[in-house]
């Protein structure tokens, strides 16, 4: 299976590959957000999590949901927002 940080890093690399051609690609944005959430949760609570969450690409913050997976996209966006709020990220 692999360890969580390694898996998240590989997912982030795949997301960046998708986003190179289209910065707001819904699939790339979803993968980038998911990987960043995983990496943030592996950090101790506090500023470290904020740094990881702040790295979610700006083009992805308002990206459209992945067709057919709108509910998943909404849950991920809510989880990212919840973590930013809970950690006091600005």
Protein backbone atom coordinates (compact mmCIF):
# COMPACT_ATOMS: atom_id res chain seq x y z
CA UNK A 1 0.00 0.00 0.00
CA UNK A 2 2.60 2.62 0.99
CA UNK A 3 2.74 5.23 3.65
CA UNK A 4 0.29 8.18 3.72
CA UNK A 5 2.82 10.97 3.11
CA UNK A 6 4.37 9.14 0.17
CA UNK A 7 0.98 8.38 -1.32
CA UNK A 8 -0.14 11.99 -0.93
CA UNK A 9 3.09 13.25 -2.52
CA UNK A 10 2.58 10.93 -5.50
CA UNK A 11 -1.03 12.10 -5.80
CA UNK A 12 0.12 15.72 -5.73
CA UNK A 13 2.63 15.04 -8.51
CA UNK A 14 -0.12 13.50 -10.63
CA UNK A 15 -2.37 16.49 -9.94
CA UNK A 16 0.34 18.91 -10.98
CA UNK A 17 0.80 16.94 -14.18
CA UNK A 18 -2.89 17.37 -15.02
CA UNK A 19 -2.81 21.03 -14.07
CA UNK A 20 0.21 21.87 -16.25
CA UNK A 21 -1.96 21.79 -19.35
CA UNK A 22 -5.05 23.26 -17.69
CA UNK A 23 -4.49 25.05 -14.33
CA UNK A 24 -8.14 24.77 -13.25
CA UNK A 25 -8.63 21.20 -14.49
CA UNK A 26 -11.34 19.79 -12.18
CA UNK A 27 -9.64 16.39 -11.77
CA UNK A 28 -6.24 17.98 -11.16
CA UNK A 29 -7.76 20.41 -8.67
CA UNK A 30 -9.55 17.63 -6.82
CA UNK A 31 -6.38 15.55 -6.61
CA UNK A 32 -4.31 18.56 -5.51
CA UNK A 33 -6.84 19.47 -2.81
CA UNK A 34 -7.11 15.91 -1.59
CA UNK A 35 -3.34 15.49 -1.43
CA UNK A 36 -2.91 18.82 0.38
CA UNK A 37 -5.60 17.86 2.91
CA UNK A 38 -3.86 14.56 3.60
CA UNK A 39 -0.46 16.26 3.96
CA UNK A 40 -1.97 18.90 6.27
CA UNK A 41 -3.56 16.28 8.50
CA UNK A 42 -0.19 14.54 8.83
CA UNK A 43 1.24 17.76 10.32
CA UNK A 44 0.74 18.61 14.00
CA UNK A 45 -2.16 21.03 14.52
CA UNK A 46 -1.22 24.67 13.98
CA UNK A 47 0.85 26.74 11.58
CA UNK A 48 2.32 23.75 9.72
CA UNK A 49 -1.14 22.74 8.58
CA UNK A 50 -1.85 26.30 7.46
CA UNK A 51 1.28 26.32 5.28
CA UNK A 52 0.22 23.10 3.57
CA UNK A 53 -3.37 24.25 3.10
CA UNK A 54 -2.26 27.63 1.76
CA UNK A 55 -0.49 25.81 -1.07
CA UNK A 56 -3.80 24.68 -2.60
CA UNK A 57 -3.53 26.31 -6.04
CA UNK A 58 -5.46 29.57 -6.37
CA UNK A 59 -6.91 28.38 -9.68
CA UNK A 60 -8.45 25.43 -7.85
CA UNK A 61 -10.18 27.32 -5.07
CA UNK A 62 -13.08 28.20 -7.38
CA UNK A 63 -12.77 25.27 -9.77
CA UNK A 64 -15.90 23.57 -10.94
CA UNK A 65 -16.79 20.18 -9.53
CA UNK A 66 -15.78 17.02 -11.31
CA UNK A 67 -18.73 15.92 -13.46
CA UNK A 68 -20.40 12.95 -11.83
CA UNK A 69 -18.55 13.53 -8.56
CA UNK A 70 -20.05 16.82 -7.44
CA UNK A 71 -20.83 15.55 -3.92
CA UNK A 72 -17.24 14.36 -3.44
CA UNK A 73 -15.95 17.73 -4.63
CA UNK A 74 -18.24 19.58 -2.20
CA UNK A 75 -17.15 17.36 0.71
CA UNK A 76 -13.48 17.96 -0.09
CA UNK A 77 -14.01 21.74 -0.33
CA UNK A 78 -15.84 21.67 3.02
CA UNK A 79 -13.07 19.59 4.65
CA UNK A 80 -10.40 22.00 3.38
CA UNK A 81 -12.39 25.00 4.66
CA UNK A 82 -13.02 23.28 8.01
CA UNK A 83 -9.30 22.61 8.47
CA UNK A 84 -8.39 26.20 7.56
CA UNK A 85 -10.96 27.47 10.06
CA UNK A 86 -10.00 24.99 12.81
CA UNK A 87 -6.30 25.84 12.49
CA UNK A 88 -6.91 29.58 12.41
CA UNK A 89 -5.41 29.93 8.94
CA UNK A 90 -5.73 33.43 7.52
